[in-house]
Amino acid sequence: MCSSESVGSKNVNETCAASFSSFPRTDVTAQLFEQRRRVAIYVLAEVEPHALELVDALGAQAMSSDESDHEHGQGEATYFVKKVPWRSAPLHIWLRQLDSLHLWVRYQLAYSASAGSWPHFRVDGTRESKRNPVQGLPQNCYAPKMKLDQFRWKALKYMARDIPIVH
């Protein structure tokens, strides 16, 4: 959790919530990466020291993108999150939990929303991302259902060791 040592003399709640406020609009996947990275730094650093390493290893390119169900300015948008077929189920759940922790810090810790836009309403979609798997992750981050021959598994340059993917 955020601690007084990490935030200096400022109020802990204000500092933590400010860390999770909005930042300039950029690519959606880059924003999602930054949100998850902040959770790893400010919320999980003490209890899951490997969290930042895993988020950094995933990088922005591994964050799933989403698409709106309607044209801009035509009512409340619903965003459908694309499935990432190479991700293992535990990794998918772990990333969703990071998203929930982000919202918890942003809206509960300071008892009021921090500056920035309200989050978009997102639901799991049916379309799959066509991006290639990220290389160099622990083996348990990859879906066992991926049908890869031995050559392609080696090309992933995965880590032979597993990493805890639970909060």
Foldseek 3Di string as FASTA:
>chain_A
DADCVNVPPDDRLVVLLVLLADDDDDDPLQRLLSLLLSCCVGPVCVPAVCSNVQSVLCPSVNRWDWDWPDDPPPDATETATAAEQFFAPLQVVLSVVSVVSSCCSQCPSNVHHDHHDDDHHYDHDDHHDPDDHRAAEAPNGTHPPPDDDPVVVVVSNYDPDDGDSDD
